Amino acid sequence: MLVSIKEPSGANAHADDERDWDAIHAAILRFVRGRGARPDIAEDIAQETLARLIDILRAEQVGSIFALGFRIADNLLVDVYRRDSRLSEEVDDDWQSEEPSLDRVLDSRRAVDVFNRCLGRMPPLRREVLIRRRLNQESCRAIGDDLSMSAKAVEKHITRGMIDLRKALEKAGIDLGGEA
């Protein structure tokens, strides 16, 4: 919080030169926030504006301290936006990629290994039914006709196979987020 600072009246200052820095600070803060600045940025700009105003007032006469304060704050805000846009453009250009992240690739490879081990441990009929339905997209009726079983039995094998795969993934600590 800013403490009220009164400019001392001296030999070179008149009684009307005393200023209410709290009111100036509050006005600048409202102005900068009104321009869409985040609260922390707005506070930094208001403080820097007051510091610059004090330096200017020591050296020269100013017609309107508020007008000068708003102009300084506006310039500082433009500088912040320019700096932020340069930084965000550089980061976006350097780090954007259509490729999956290394962590994602490694997690996927681990999941494939778990799938393969789990499929290898399944009874051969369940494995065949699951692969034909899930990977080859064959209908339950077609699988049942080829293997001389009912569509209902095919569905049970698929359900049990999916349960086995999900348990294997959970045991390995892999969460596919609904992709399985």
C-alpha atoms as a PDB file:
ATOM      1  CA  MET A   1       0.000   0.000   0.000  1.00  0.00           C
ATOM      2  CA  LEU A   2       1.264   3.460  -0.871  1.00  0.00           C
ATOM      3  CA  VAL A   3       1.733   5.853   2.033  1.00  0.00           C
ATOM      4  CA  SER A   4       0.532   9.406   1.538  1.00  0.00           C
ATOM      5  CA  ILE A   5       3.475  11.475   0.345  1.00  0.00           C
ATOM      6  CA  LYS A   6       3.285  15.226   0.405  1.00  0.00           C
ATOM      7  CA  GLU A   7       5.848  17.177  -1.533  1.00  0.00           C
ATOM      8  CA  PRO A   8       7.602  19.475   0.920  1.00  0.00           C
ATOM      9  CA  SER A   9       7.118  23.187   0.479  1.00  0.00           C
ATOM     10  CA  GLY A  10      10.480  24.848   0.288  1.00  0.00           C
ATOM     11  CA  ALA A  11      12.000  28.009  -1.053  1.00  0.00           C
ATOM     12  CA  ASN A  12      11.280  26.967  -4.665  1.00  0.00           C
ATOM     13  CA  ALA A  13       7.842  25.480  -4.039  1.00  0.00           C
ATOM     14  CA  HIS A  14       4.555  27.290  -3.488  1.00  0.00           C
ATOM     15  CA  ALA A  15       1.815  26.204  -1.101  1.00  0.00           C
ATOM     16  CA  ASP A  16      -0.343  25.074  -4.063  1.00  0.00           C
ATOM     17  CA  ASP A  17       2.444  22.661  -5.196  1.00  0.00           C
ATOM     18  CA  GLU A  18       1.606  20.183  -2.439  1.00  0.00           C
ATOM     19  CA  ARG A  19       0.070  17.164  -4.084  1.00  0.00           C
ATOM     20  CA  ASP A  20      -2.014  14.260  -2.847  1.00  0.00           C
ATOM     21  CA  TRP A  21       0.034  11.368  -4.231  1.00  0.00           C
ATOM     22  CA  ASP A  22      -2.517   8.826  -3.004  1.00  0.00           C
ATOM     23  CA  ALA A  23      -5.198  10.400  -5.223  1.00  0.00           C
ATOM     24  CA  ILE A  24      -2.827  10.518  -8.193  1.00  0.00           C
ATOM     25  CA  HIS A  25      -1.824   6.886  -7.581  1.00  0.00           C
ATOM     26  CA  ALA A  26      -5.479   5.784  -7.364  1.00  0.00           C
ATOM     27  CA  ALA A  27      -6.403   7.645 -10.561  1.00  0.00           C
ATOM     28  CA  ILE A  28      -3.488   6.144 -12.489  1.00  0.00           C
ATOM     29  CA  LEU A  29      -4.284   2.685 -11.141  1.00  0.00           C
ATOM     30  CA  ARG A  30      -7.922   3.016 -12.282  1.00  0.00           C
ATOM     31  CA  PHE A  31      -6.756   4.261 -15.686  1.00  0.00           C
ATOM     32  CA  VAL A  32      -4.345   1.357 -16.223  1.00  0.00           C
ATOM     33  CA  ARG A  33      -6.817  -1.267 -14.987  1.00  0.00           C
ATOM     34  CA  GLY A  34      -9.436   0.262 -17.284  1.00  0.00           C
ATOM     35  CA  ARG A  35      -7.057  -0.399 -20.170  1.00  0.00           C
ATOM     36  CA  GLY A  36      -7.155  -4.118 -19.354  1.00  0.00           C
ATOM     37  CA  ALA A  37      -3.907  -4.568 -17.428  1.00  0.00           C
ATOM     38  CA  ARG A  38      -3.629  -7.341 -14.855  1.00  0.00           C
ATOM     39  CA  PRO A  39      -3.724  -6.045 -11.259  1.00  0.00           C
ATOM     40  CA  ASP A  40      -0.022  -6.769 -10.613  1.00  0.00           C
ATOM     41  CA  ILE A  41       1.017  -5.032 -13.846  1.00  0.00           C
ATOM     42  CA  ALA A  42      -1.302  -2.103 -13.091  1.00  0.00           C
ATOM     43  CA  GLU A  43       0.293  -1.626  -9.668  1.00  0.00           C
ATOM     44  CA  ASP A  44       3.814  -1.745 -11.133  1.00  0.00           C
ATOM     45  CA  ILE A  45       2.910   0.812 -13.797  1.00  0.00           C
ATOM     46  CA  ALA A  46       1.273   3.119 -11.228  1.00  0.00           C
ATOM     47  CA  GLN A  47       4.359   3.001  -9.005  1.00  0.00           C
ATOM     48  CA  GLU A  48       6.728   3.629 -11.922  1.00  0.00           C
ATOM     49  CA  THR A  49       4.520   6.493 -13.116  1.00  0.00           C
ATOM     50  CA  LEU A  50       4.665   8.157  -9.706  1.00  0.00           C
ATOM     51  CA  ALA A  51       8.436   7.813  -9.597  1.00  0.00           C
ATOM     52  CA  ARG A  52       8.764   9.412 -13.039  1.00  0.00           C
ATOM     53  CA  LEU A  53       6.331  12.183 -12.139  1.00  0.00           C
ATOM     54  CA  ILE A  54       8.337  13.084  -9.066  1.00  0.00           C
ATOM     55  CA  ASP A  55      11.545  13.239 -11.135  1.00  0.00           C
ATOM     56  CA  ILE A  56       9.903  15.439 -13.765  1.00  0.00           C
ATOM     57  CA  LEU A  57       8.328  17.762 -11.203  1.00  0.00           C
ATOM     58  CA  ARG A  58      11.715  18.382  -9.592  1.00  0.00           C
ATOM     59  CA  ALA A  59      13.094  19.652 -12.899  1.00  0.00           C
ATOM     60  CA  GLU A  60      10.231  21.544 -14.542  1.00  0.00           C
ATOM     61  CA  GLN A  61       6.747  23.028 -14.223  1.00  0.00           C
ATOM     62  CA  VAL A  62       3.842  20.834 -15.312  1.00  0.00           C
ATOM     63  CA  GLY A  63       0.430  22.159 -16.379  1.00  0.00           C
ATOM     64  CA  SER A  64      -1.569  19.075 -15.404  1.00  0.00           C
ATOM     65  CA  ILE A  65       0.013  16.378 -13.296  1.00  0.00           C
ATOM     66  CA  PHE A  66      -2.892  14.015 -14.026  1.00  0.00           C
ATOM     67  CA  ALA A  67      -2.589  14.419 -17.808  1.00  0.00           C
ATOM     68  CA  LEU A  68       1.155  13.827 -17.621  1.00  0.00           C
ATOM     69  CA  GLY A  69       0.618  10.858 -15.305  1.00  0.00           C
ATOM     70  CA  PHE A  70      -1.895   9.279 -17.675  1.00  0.00           C
ATOM     71  CA  ARG A  71       0.445   9.797 -20.647  1.00  0.00           C
ATOM     72  CA  ILE A  72       3.372   8.200 -18.766  1.00  0.00           C
ATOM     73  CA  ALA A  73       1.190   5.282 -17.632  1.00  0.00           C
ATOM     74  CA  ASP A  74      -0.133   4.779 -21.162  1.00  0.00           C
ATOM     75  CA  ASN A  75       3.420   4.681 -22.559  1.00  0.00           C
ATOM     76  CA  LEU A  76       4.517   2.211 -19.888  1.00  0.00           C
ATOM     77  CA  LEU A  77       1.493   0.015 -20.631  1.00  0.00           C
ATOM     78  CA  VAL A  78       2.333   0.010 -24.354  1.00  0.00           C
ATOM     79  CA  ASP A  79       5.910  -0.987 -23.475  1.00  0.00           C
ATOM     80  CA  VAL A  80       4.625  -3.897 -21.357  1.00  0.00           C
ATOM     81  CA  TYR A  81       2.335  -5.113 -24.162  1.00  0.00           C
ATOM     82  CA  ARG A  82       5.169  -4.883 -26.694  1.00  0.00           C
ATOM     83  CA  ARG A  83       7.535  -6.813 -24.445  1.00  0.00           C
ATOM     84  CA  ASP A  84       4.929  -9.479 -23.719  1.00  0.00           C
ATOM     85  CA  SER A  85       3.988  -9.885 -27.378  1.00  0.00           C
ATOM     86  CA  ARG A  86       7.642 -10.312 -28.385  1.00  0.00           C
ATOM     87  CA  LEU A  87       8.144 -12.918 -25.694  1.00  0.00           C
ATOM     88  CA  SER A  88       4.964 -14.812 -26.535  1.00  0.00           C
ATOM     89  CA  GLU A  89       5.757 -14.812 -30.283  1.00  0.00           C
ATOM     90  CA  GLU A  90       9.248 -16.144 -29.667  1.00  0.00           C
ATOM     91  CA  VAL A  91       7.990 -18.894 -27.387  1.00  0.00           C
ATOM     92  CA  ASP A  92       5.188 -19.894 -29.745  1.00  0.00           C
ATOM     93  CA  ASP A  93       7.492 -20.072 -32.773  1.00  0.00           C
ATOM     94  CA  ASP A  94      10.159 -22.046 -30.957  1.00  0.00           C
ATOM     95  CA  TRP A  95       7.988 -24.466 -29.013  1.00  0.00           C
ATOM     96  CA  GLN A  96       4.934 -25.155 -31.148  1.00  0.00           C
ATOM     97  CA  SER A  97       4.867 -28.539 -32.773  1.00  0.00           C
ATOM     98  CA  GLU A  98       2.306 -30.815 -34.319  1.00  0.00           C
ATOM     99  CA  GLU A  99       4.226 -33.838 -33.033  1.00  0.00           C
ATOM    100  CA  PRO A 100       3.197 -35.481 -29.739  1.00  0.00           C
ATOM    101  CA  SER A 101       5.359 -34.762 -26.732  1.00  0.00           C
ATOM    102  CA  LEU A 102       8.099 -37.188 -25.748  1.00  0.00           C
ATOM    103  CA  ASP A 103       6.163 -38.110 -22.595  1.00  0.00           C
ATOM    104  CA  ARG A 104       3.103 -38.913 -24.672  1.00  0.00           C
ATOM    105  CA  VAL A 105       5.134 -41.086 -27.058  1.00  0.00           C
ATOM    106  CA  LEU A 106       6.763 -42.986 -24.190  1.00  0.00           C
ATOM    107  CA  ASP A 107       3.404 -43.490 -22.445  1.00  0.00           C
ATOM    108  CA  SER A 108       1.894 -44.802 -25.670  1.00  0.00           C
ATOM    109  CA  ARG A 109       4.768 -47.234 -26.208  1.00  0.00           C
ATOM    110  CA  ARG A 110       4.418 -48.468 -22.661  1.00  0.00           C
ATOM    111  CA  ALA A 111       0.682 -48.944 -23.173  1.00  0.00           C
ATOM    112  CA  VAL A 112       1.310 -50.940 -26.368  1.00  0.00           C
ATOM    113  CA  ASP A 113       3.752 -53.175 -24.478  1.00  0.00           C
ATOM    114  CA  VAL A 114       1.159 -53.766 -21.751  1.00  0.00           C
ATOM    115  CA  PHE A 115      -1.484 -54.548 -24.408  1.00  0.00           C
ATOM    116  CA  ASN A 116       0.800 -57.045 -26.145  1.00  0.00           C
ATOM    117  CA  ARG A 117       1.697 -58.832 -22.898  1.00  0.00           C
ATOM    118  CA  CYS A 118      -1.949 -58.950 -21.857  1.00  0.00           C
ATOM    119  CA  LEU A 119      -3.058 -60.253 -25.253  1.00  0.00           C
ATOM    120  CA  GLY A 120      -0.349 -62.916 -25.045  1.00  0.00           C
ATOM    121  CA  ARG A 121      -1.733 -64.146 -21.711  1.00  0.00           C
ATOM    122  CA  MET A 122      -5.360 -64.323 -22.935  1.00  0.00           C
ATOM    123  CA  PRO A 123      -6.933 -67.580 -24.019  1.00  0.00           C
ATOM    124  CA  PRO A 124      -6.478 -67.916 -27.815  1.00  0.00           C
ATOM    125  CA  LEU A 125     -10.213 -67.688 -28.611  1.00  0.00           C
ATOM    126  CA  ARG A 126     -10.699 -64.502 -26.543  1.00  0.00           C
ATOM    127  CA  ARG A 127      -7.579 -62.948 -28.117  1.00  0.00           C
ATOM    128  CA  GLU A 128      -8.785 -63.777 -31.646  1.00  0.00           C
ATOM    129  CA  VAL A 129     -12.284 -62.422 -31.011  1.00  0.00           C
ATOM    130  CA  LEU A 130     -10.928 -59.212 -29.444  1.00  0.00           C
ATOM    131  CA  ILE A 131      -8.429 -58.563 -32.238  1.00  0.00           C
ATOM    132  CA  ARG A 132     -10.984 -59.238 -34.971  1.00  0.00           C
ATOM    133  CA  ARG A 133     -13.607 -56.981 -33.378  1.00  0.00           C
ATOM    134  CA  ARG A 134     -11.483 -54.113 -32.016  1.00  0.00           C
ATOM    135  CA  LEU A 135      -8.615 -53.977 -34.506  1.00  0.00           C
ATOM    136  CA  ASN A 136     -10.183 -55.376 -37.694  1.00  0.00           C
ATOM    137  CA  GLN A 137     -13.639 -53.871 -37.015  1.00  0.00           C
ATOM    138  CA  GLU A 138     -15.455 -57.085 -37.908  1.00  0.00           C
ATOM    139  CA  SER A 139     -19.041 -57.457 -36.766  1.00  0.00           C
ATOM    140  CA  CYS A 140     -19.929 -59.789 -33.913  1.00  0.00           C
ATOM    141  CA  ARG A 141     -22.181 -61.774 -36.255  1.00  0.00           C
ATOM    142  CA  ALA A 142     -19.358 -62.313 -38.778  1.00  0.00           C
ATOM    143  CA  ILE A 143     -16.924 -63.381 -36.056  1.00  0.00           C
ATOM    144  CA  GLY A 144     -19.536 -65.722 -34.565  1.00  0.00           C
ATOM    145  CA  ASP A 145     -20.290 -67.290 -37.967  1.00  0.00           C
ATOM    146  CA  ASP A 146     -16.574 -67.885 -38.673  1.00  0.00           C
ATOM    147  CA  LEU A 147     -15.906 -69.381 -35.230  1.00  0.00           C
ATOM    148  CA  SER A 148     -19.219 -71.289 -34.901  1.00  0.00           C
ATOM    149  CA  MET A 149     -20.424 -69.321 -31.897  1.00  0.00           C
ATOM    150  CA  SER A 150     -23.333 -67.049 -31.114  1.00  0.00           C
ATOM    151  CA  ALA A 151     -23.053 -63.256 -31.342  1.00  0.00           C
ATOM    152  CA  LYS A 152     -23.778 -63.164 -27.597  1.00  0.00           C
ATOM    153  CA  ALA A 153     -20.759 -65.406 -26.877  1.00  0.00           C
ATOM    154  CA  VAL A 154     -18.602 -63.141 -29.068  1.00  0.00           C
ATOM    155  CA  GLU A 155     -19.767 -60.114 -27.056  1.00  0.00           C
ATOM    156  CA  LYS A 156     -18.891 -61.872 -23.781  1.00  0.00           C
ATOM    157  CA  HIS A 157     -15.370 -62.618 -25.054  1.00  0.00           C
ATOM    158  CA  ILE A 158     -14.966 -58.976 -26.080  1.00  0.00           C
ATOM    159  CA  THR A 159     -16.198 -57.734 -22.710  1.00  0.00           C
ATOM    160  CA  ARG A 160     -13.899 -60.079 -20.768  1.00  0.00           C
ATOM    161  CA  GLY A 161     -10.970 -59.187 -23.010  1.00  0.00           C
ATOM    162  CA  MET A 162     -11.533 -55.461 -22.488  1.00  0.00           C
ATOM    163  CA  ILE A 163     -11.752 -55.997 -18.730  1.00  0.00           C
ATOM    164  CA  ASP A 164      -8.434 -57.891 -18.842  1.00  0.00           C
ATOM    165  CA  LEU A 165      -6.800 -55.084 -20.829  1.00  0.00           C
ATOM    166  CA  ARG A 166      -8.128 -52.369 -18.512  1.00  0.00           C
ATOM    167  CA  LYS A 167      -6.912 -54.254 -15.422  1.00  0.00           C
ATOM    168  CA  ALA A 168      -3.476 -54.704 -16.994  1.00  0.00           C
ATOM    169  CA  LEU A 169      -3.287 -50.963 -17.745  1.00  0.00           C
ATOM    170  CA  GLU A 170      -4.386 -50.052 -14.221  1.00  0.00           C
ATOM    171  CA  LYS A 171      -1.819 -52.445 -12.751  1.00  0.00           C
ATOM    172  CA  ALA A 172       0.897 -50.813 -14.890  1.00  0.00           C
ATOM    173  CA  GLY A 173      -0.274 -47.356 -13.776  1.00  0.00           C
ATOM    174  CA  ILE A 174      -1.307 -46.245 -17.247  1.00  0.00           C
ATOM    175  CA  ASP A 175      -4.349 -43.994 -17.698  1.00  0.00           C
ATOM    176  CA  LEU A 176      -5.395 -43.595 -21.313  1.00  0.00           C
ATOM    177  CA  GLY A 177      -8.177 -41.182 -20.435  1.00  0.00           C
ATOM    178  CA  GLY A 178     -10.900 -43.151 -22.181  1.00  0.00           C
ATOM    179  CA  GLU A 179      -8.834 -43.987 -25.278  1.00  0.00           C
ATOM    180  CA  ALA A 180      -8.775 -47.744 -24.588  1.00  0.00           C
END
